[in-house]
Amino acid sequence: MPYYSGTILPPHVPVTMRRCLALALLLACVAPAAAQDSVQPEWSDIETVTVRAQPGPALWHLTRGNAEVWVLGQVWPMPKGLTWNADVLGEVMDGAREVLHPPRPSINFVDVAWFLLWNGGKLSLPRGQHLESQLDDDLRRRFIAAREAVKGDAEEYGTDIPIRAAVRLQQDFMKARNFEGGQPRGKIGELARRHGIERRSVTNFQAMDIVRDLLKLTPEQQRVCLSQAVDDILWANTHAEAAARAWAVGNVKAMKANYAESRLMNCAIGSVTRAAQAELRNINETVAAIDGALKRGGKTVAIVNLGPLLRKGGVLEKLAAMGVAIDAPAES
């Protein structure tokens, strides 16, 4: 499950704005997943030359001529206090020209404020309606199981529209399991500053336009997305920490076994045209940024979320088709 960085917002942000921002930041952490039937990606099978693993997060080494890009496959979120050998990444930053980060949403607080002025009421059900009473028996049972697993307060969910409840589940999961939203990006930024390297996201995209379209979904469409979010939580409650700990030691096989892309994000992509367009653009911009770095020469470091990096049709597969040589960490 990809989790959405930034949904743990500063406490001074008003509650209504936090709700809207949480919807916007649904799109923020990782490039969204391509639509799929299973919760786990179908991993690509590109030919690679295996490089010796080091104690620390796994790195992929991409080369064309004398140019090189070191790619860190990122798993998110991280348990608070998770230790990992940052020296591995620090070593490859020596002499690098820049660090490329995953796509980020553009969120204007003024735009959020105006949105709430005109649309804030759409985050709650009409007076007298209750969320659980609108769910069929199977979804109600699974929703309650997911809510209880993340210690969610039933009253807080009571008047949520389904799409808001879906995001609240993820927020409650983060708090209940003591995960944090700022890592490993914070540590990576610290390393880049220490090495005097510029950082930039490969692209930005407008999140609020997608939020507006999400709130136009019919109640039935929103309930479908809530069902997918429930599946995300039930999977993550068992596997998310294992994926993060495997990432910390570069165990690619265990990362793949415990990593899953968001069914909720798939639901948004399948229902909202702008979300689907953002997903495709984010993948293509990541490929273009890495290709551009290889054309400029020298060394670059790129951070790419594990799903977009390794799944079929993902970043590595596209770059391999462009003639980029890829040395991959061992999967043992």
Protein backbone atom coordinates (compact mmCIF):
# COMPACT_ATOMS: atom_id res chain seq x y z
CA MET A 1 0.00 0.00 0.00
CA PRO A 2 1.40 3.39 -0.80
CA TYR A 3 0.75 5.87 1.96
CA TYR A 4 0.28 9.54 1.43
CA SER A 5 3.03 11.74 2.77
CA GLY A 6 1.78 14.86 4.39
CA THR A 7 -1.47 13.48 5.76
CA ILE A 8 0.01 13.93 9.22
CA LEU A 9 -0.46 17.69 9.19
CA PRO A 10 0.72 20.39 11.62
CA PRO A 11 -1.66 20.76 14.58
CA HIS A 12 -2.29 24.48 13.91
CA VAL A 13 -4.05 23.70 10.60
CA PRO A 14 -7.84 24.00 11.11
CA VAL A 15 -9.73 20.72 11.16
CA THR A 16 -11.79 21.46 8.05
CA MET A 17 -8.67 22.42 6.11
CA ARG A 18 -6.91 19.28 7.36
CA ARG A 19 -9.75 17.21 5.92
CA CYS A 20 -9.47 18.82 2.52
CA LEU A 21 -5.68 18.65 2.50
CA ALA A 22 -5.82 14.98 3.41
CA LEU A 23 -7.85 14.37 0.26
CA ALA A 24 -5.36 16.35 -1.79
CA LEU A 25 -2.40 14.57 -0.24
CA LEU A 26 -3.98 11.24 -1.11
CA LEU A 27 -2.05 11.80 -4.34
CA ALA A 28 1.20 12.97 -2.81
CA CYS A 29 3.52 10.30 -1.61
CA VAL A 30 4.03 7.93 -4.40
CA ALA A 31 3.28 8.01 -8.06
CA PRO A 32 -0.17 6.42 -8.21
CA ALA A 33 -0.54 2.78 -9.09
CA ALA A 34 -1.60 1.55 -12.48
CA ALA A 35 -5.01 -0.12 -12.27
CA GLN A 36 -4.73 -3.77 -11.34
CA ASP A 37 -6.81 -6.62 -9.97
CA SER A 38 -4.46 -7.76 -7.21
CA VAL A 39 -3.17 -5.74 -4.29
CA GLN A 40 0.45 -6.51 -5.18
CA PRO A 41 2.03 -5.24 -8.41
CA GLU A 42 2.98 -7.53 -11.26
CA TRP A 43 6.73 -7.09 -11.10
CA SER A 44 8.74 -6.50 -14.25
CA ASP A 45 11.25 -9.08 -15.43
CA ILE A 46 13.91 -7.00 -17.13
CA GLU A 47 17.37 -8.44 -17.65
CA THR A 48 19.88 -7.04 -15.18
CA VAL A 49 23.44 -7.56 -14.02
CA THR A 50 23.40 -8.17 -10.28
CA VAL A 51 25.63 -5.97 -8.15
CA ARG A 52 26.90 -6.92 -4.73
CA ALA A 53 24.49 -5.95 -1.98
CA GLN A 54 25.65 -3.61 0.78
CA PRO A 55 24.17 -3.33 4.28
CA GLY A 56 21.54 -0.68 3.68
CA PRO A 57 18.69 0.20 1.31
CA ALA A 58 18.81 -1.35 -2.15
CA LEU A 59 20.19 0.73 -5.02
CA TRP A 60 19.85 0.25 -8.76
CA HIS A 61 22.75 1.50 -10.91
CA LEU A 62 21.74 2.87 -14.32
CA THR A 63 24.36 3.76 -16.93
CA ARG A 64 24.63 5.05 -20.45
CA GLY A 65 28.14 5.74 -21.66
CA ASN A 66 29.98 7.58 -18.90
CA ALA A 67 26.79 8.87 -17.26
CA GLU A 68 25.23 7.16 -14.25
CA VAL A 69 22.12 7.40 -12.11
CA TRP A 70 21.87 5.65 -8.76
CA VAL A 71 18.23 4.88 -7.97
CA LEU A 72 16.93 4.29 -4.45
CA GLY A 73 13.73 2.28 -4.48
CA GLN A 74 11.58 3.83 -1.77
CA VAL A 75 9.07 2.06 0.45
CA TRP A 76 6.68 4.21 2.46
CA PRO A 77 5.77 4.78 5.31
CA MET A 78 8.46 4.23 7.90
CA PRO A 79 7.97 3.26 11.55
CA LYS A 80 9.18 6.08 13.77
CA GLY A 81 12.77 5.56 14.79
CA LEU A 82 13.52 2.99 12.08
CA THR A 83 17.29 2.84 11.69
CA TRP A 84 18.93 2.36 8.31
CA ASN A 85 22.45 2.72 7.01
CA ALA A 86 22.37 6.13 5.35
CA ASP A 87 26.10 5.87 4.60
CA VAL A 88 25.28 3.62 1.65
CA LEU A 89 23.30 6.43 0.02
CA GLY A 90 25.77 9.05 1.20
CA GLU A 91 28.60 7.27 -0.63
CA VAL A 92 26.84 7.42 -3.99
CA MET A 93 26.02 11.10 -3.42
CA ASP A 94 29.71 11.97 -3.53
CA GLY A 95 30.23 13.88 -6.77
CA ALA A 96 26.54 13.79 -7.76
CA ARG A 97 25.05 16.83 -9.47
CA GLU A 98 21.49 16.52 -8.07
CA VAL A 99 18.97 14.36 -6.28
CA LEU A 100 15.68 13.69 -8.07
CA HIS A 101 12.62 13.16 -5.87
CA PRO A 102 9.23 11.60 -6.77
CA PRO A 103 6.41 13.77 -8.17
CA ARG A 104 4.82 16.16 -5.69
CA PRO A 105 1.40 17.82 -5.63
CA SER A 106 1.05 21.56 -5.93
CA ILE A 107 -1.24 22.69 -3.10
CA ASN A 108 -2.09 26.34 -2.65
CA PHE A 109 -3.51 27.13 0.80
CA VAL A 110 -5.53 30.02 -0.66
CA ASP A 111 -7.07 27.63 -3.16
CA VAL A 112 -7.86 25.21 -0.31
CA ALA A 113 -9.50 27.99 1.68
CA TRP A 114 -11.71 29.02 -1.24
CA PHE A 115 -12.55 25.40 -1.92
CA LEU A 116 -13.68 24.91 1.67
CA LEU A 117 -15.74 28.09 1.54
CA TRP A 118 -17.79 26.68 -1.31
CA ASN A 119 -17.44 22.93 -0.87
CA GLY A 120 -16.53 22.16 2.75
CA GLY A 121 -19.96 20.74 3.46
CA LYS A 122 -19.44 18.05 0.83
CA LEU A 123 -17.01 16.27 3.15
CA SER A 124 -19.91 15.29 5.45
CA LEU A 125 -23.14 13.41 4.86
CA PRO A 126 -26.45 15.32 4.95
CA ARG A 127 -27.92 15.83 8.42
CA GLY A 128 -29.49 12.67 9.80
CA GLN A 129 -27.49 10.28 7.62
CA HIS A 130 -24.91 7.85 9.00
CA LEU A 131 -22.04 6.25 7.09
CA GLU A 132 -22.33 2.66 8.29
CA SER A 133 -26.06 2.52 7.60
CA GLN A 134 -25.29 3.17 3.92
CA LEU A 135 -22.89 0.23 3.58
CA ASP A 136 -23.95 -3.27 2.58
CA ASP A 137 -23.44 -6.04 5.12
CA ASP A 138 -20.10 -7.24 3.77
CA LEU A 139 -18.55 -3.78 3.46
CA ARG A 140 -19.92 -2.75 6.86
CA ARG A 141 -18.31 -5.80 8.46
CA ARG A 142 -14.94 -5.24 6.77
CA PHE A 143 -15.03 -1.49 7.39
CA ILE A 144 -15.65 -1.97 11.11
CA ALA A 145 -12.80 -4.53 11.25
CA ALA A 146 -10.44 -2.05 9.57
CA ARG A 147 -11.57 0.85 11.76
CA GLU A 148 -11.09 -1.19 14.93
CA ALA A 149 -7.68 -2.41 13.71
CA VAL A 150 -6.49 1.21 13.52
CA LYS A 151 -8.28 2.23 16.75
CA GLY A 152 -10.57 4.63 14.92
CA ASP A 153 -13.37 6.37 16.83
CA ALA A 154 -16.72 5.26 15.39
CA GLU A 155 -18.30 8.64 16.14
CA GLU A 156 -15.66 10.52 14.17
CA TYR A 157 -16.46 8.44 11.09
CA GLY A 158 -20.20 8.65 11.60
CA THR A 159 -21.00 11.53 9.25
CA ASP A 160 -18.06 11.14 6.83
CA ILE A 161 -18.77 10.71 3.16
CA PRO A 162 -17.19 7.41 2.05
CA ILE A 163 -14.17 8.98 0.34
CA ARG A 164 -13.39 11.00 3.47
CA ALA A 165 -13.72 7.87 5.62
CA ALA A 166 -11.27 6.14 3.29
CA VAL A 167 -8.64 8.82 3.91
CA ARG A 168 -9.38 8.91 7.65
CA LEU A 169 -8.65 5.17 7.83
CA GLN A 170 -5.19 5.83 6.46
CA GLN A 171 -4.59 8.68 8.91
CA ASP A 172 -5.68 6.54 11.84
CA PHE A 173 -3.46 3.70 10.63
CA MET A 174 -0.44 6.02 10.71
CA LYS A 175 -1.18 7.09 14.28
CA ALA A 176 -2.11 3.66 15.59
CA ARG A 177 0.98 1.95 14.19
CA ASN A 178 3.35 4.84 15.02
CA PHE A 179 4.41 5.49 11.44
CA GLU A 180 5.74 8.83 10.24
CA GLY A 181 5.20 10.69 7.00
CA GLY A 182 8.45 12.62 6.69
CA GLN A 183 10.91 9.75 6.27
CA PRO A 184 12.96 8.70 4.46
CA ARG A 185 12.65 12.01 2.59
CA GLY A 186 13.91 13.99 5.59
CA LYS A 187 17.05 11.90 5.97
CA ILE A 188 17.70 11.96 2.24
CA GLY A 189 17.39 15.75 2.25
CA GLU A 190 19.83 15.96 5.13
CA LEU A 191 22.35 13.86 3.21
CA ALA A 192 21.94 15.99 0.09
CA ARG A 193 22.51 19.21 2.03
CA ARG A 194 25.59 17.71 3.65
CA HIS A 195 26.98 16.93 0.20
CA GLY A 196 25.95 20.30 -1.25
CA ILE A 197 23.68 18.70 -3.85
CA GLU A 198 20.60 20.35 -5.33
CA ARG A 199 17.28 18.56 -4.94
CA ARG A 200 14.16 18.73 -7.07
CA SER A 201 11.02 16.75 -7.75
CA VAL A 202 10.77 15.28 -11.22
CA THR A 203 7.42 17.03 -11.67
CA ASN A 204 4.57 18.74 -9.81
CA PHE A 205 0.87 18.19 -10.39
CA GLN A 206 -2.29 20.04 -9.40
CA ALA A 207 -3.89 18.11 -6.55
CA MET A 208 -6.91 20.31 -5.86
CA ASP A 209 -8.41 19.79 -9.32
CA ILE A 210 -8.39 16.06 -8.63
CA VAL A 211 -9.95 16.59 -5.19
CA ARG A 212 -12.80 18.54 -6.78
CA ASP A 213 -13.43 15.66 -9.15
CA LEU A 214 -13.24 13.07 -6.36
CA LEU A 215 -16.01 14.86 -4.52
CA LYS A 216 -18.17 14.63 -7.64
CA LEU A 217 -18.19 10.83 -7.46
CA THR A 218 -21.58 9.30 -6.78
CA PRO A 219 -22.19 7.72 -3.35
CA GLU A 220 -21.95 4.28 -4.97
CA GLN A 221 -18.61 5.13 -6.59
CA GLN A 222 -17.34 6.43 -3.25
CA ARG A 223 -18.42 3.24 -1.48
CA VAL A 224 -16.42 1.22 -4.01
CA CYS A 225 -13.36 3.34 -3.19
CA LEU A 226 -14.01 2.92 0.55
CA SER A 227 -14.08 -0.85 0.05
CA GLN A 228 -10.69 -0.64 -1.66
CA ALA A 229 -9.33 1.49 1.19
CA VAL A 230 -10.48 -1.14 3.68
CA ASP A 231 -8.49 -3.76 1.75
CA ASP A 232 -5.47 -1.44 1.85
CA ILE A 233 -5.65 -1.10 5.63
CA LEU A 234 -6.16 -4.79 6.33
CA TRP A 235 -3.12 -5.60 4.16
CA ALA A 236 -0.95 -2.80 5.57
CA ASN A 237 -1.72 -3.67 9.16
CA THR A 238 0.12 -6.96 8.60
CA HIS A 239 2.71 -6.09 5.95
CA ALA A 240 3.68 -2.40 6.05
CA GLU A 241 6.22 -2.62 8.84
CA ALA A 242 7.77 -5.75 7.34
CA ALA A 243 8.17 -3.94 4.00
CA ALA A 244 9.86 -0.97 5.71
CA ARG A 245 12.25 -3.15 7.70
CA ALA A 246 13.14 -5.14 4.57
CA TRP A 247 13.82 -1.82 2.79
CA ALA A 248 16.18 -0.74 5.58
CA VAL A 249 18.49 -3.72 4.96
CA GLY A 250 18.09 -3.95 1.19
CA ASN A 251 16.12 -7.22 1.18
CA VAL A 252 14.41 -6.78 -2.20
CA LYS A 253 12.67 -10.16 -2.09
CA ALA A 254 11.03 -9.36 1.26
CA MET A 255 10.16 -5.84 0.11
CA LYS A 256 8.29 -7.22 -2.88
CA ALA A 257 6.55 -9.84 -0.74
CA ASN A 258 5.21 -7.21 1.67
CA TYR A 259 4.74 -4.20 -0.60
CA ALA A 260 1.43 -3.41 -2.24
CA GLU A 261 0.13 -0.49 -4.23
CA SER A 262 -2.99 1.31 -3.17
CA ARG A 263 -6.33 -0.07 -4.27
CA LEU A 264 -7.86 3.22 -3.14
CA MET A 265 -5.57 5.06 -5.54
CA ASN A 266 -6.51 2.60 -8.27
CA CYS A 267 -10.15 3.40 -7.56
CA ALA A 268 -9.49 7.12 -7.90
CA ILE A 269 -7.61 6.56 -11.17
CA GLY A 270 -10.43 4.44 -12.54
CA SER A 271 -13.08 7.00 -11.60
CA VAL A 272 -11.42 10.38 -12.14
CA THR A 273 -9.87 11.28 -15.49
CA ARG A 274 -7.49 13.84 -13.99
CA ALA A 275 -6.12 11.24 -11.56
CA ALA A 276 -5.46 8.82 -14.41
CA GLN A 277 -3.75 11.57 -16.40
CA ALA A 278 -1.58 12.48 -13.40
CA GLU A 279 -0.57 8.83 -12.93
CA LEU A 280 0.57 8.47 -16.54
CA ARG A 281 2.31 11.86 -16.53
CA ASN A 282 4.15 11.09 -13.29
CA ILE A 283 5.60 7.85 -14.68
CA ASN A 284 6.60 9.48 -17.96
CA GLU A 285 8.15 12.50 -16.23
CA THR A 286 10.19 10.24 -13.96
CA VAL A 287 11.51 8.34 -16.96
CA ALA A 288 12.23 11.60 -18.79
CA ALA A 289 14.07 13.07 -15.79
CA ILE A 290 16.34 10.04 -15.46
CA ASP A 291 16.89 9.90 -19.22
CA GLY A 292 17.75 13.60 -19.17
CA ALA A 293 20.26 13.07 -16.37
CA LEU A 294 21.95 10.32 -18.37
CA LYS A 295 22.11 12.57 -21.42
CA ARG A 296 23.74 15.40 -19.41
CA GLY A 297 26.41 13.07 -18.08
CA GLY A 298 27.99 12.80 -14.66
CA LYS A 299 26.29 11.27 -11.65
CA THR A 300 22.73 11.74 -10.42
CA VAL A 301 20.80 10.17 -7.55
CA ALA A 302 17.08 9.47 -8.00
CA ILE A 303 14.47 8.44 -5.44
CA VAL A 304 11.65 6.41 -7.02
CA ASN A 305 8.83 4.67 -5.20
CA LEU A 306 9.12 0.90 -5.39
CA GLY A 307 5.89 0.21 -7.28
CA PRO A 308 6.44 2.67 -10.14
CA LEU A 309 10.10 1.64 -10.23
CA LEU A 310 9.73 -2.14 -10.54
CA ARG A 311 6.25 -3.02 -11.77
CA LYS A 312 5.56 -4.06 -15.36
CA GLY A 313 5.40 -0.97 -17.54
CA GLY A 314 7.21 0.96 -14.82
CA VAL A 315 10.27 3.18 -14.78
CA LEU A 316 13.01 0.53 -15.06
CA GLU A 317 11.23 -1.39 -17.78
CA LYS A 318 10.77 1.77 -19.85
CA LEU A 319 14.39 2.82 -19.38
CA ALA A 320 15.66 -0.66 -20.32
CA ALA A 321 13.67 -0.39 -23.55
CA MET A 322 15.53 2.87 -24.22
CA GLY A 323 18.87 1.10 -24.03
CA VAL A 324 19.83 2.01 -20.46
CA ALA A 325 22.04 -0.57 -18.74
CA ILE A 326 20.70 -1.58 -15.33
CA ASP A 327 22.65 -3.20 -12.53
CA ALA A 328 20.23 -4.44 -9.89
CA PRO A 329 20.65 -5.60 -6.29
CA ALA A 330 20.39 -9.30 -5.61
CA GLU A 331 16.96 -10.66 -4.66
CA SER A 332 17.91 -13.24 -2.08
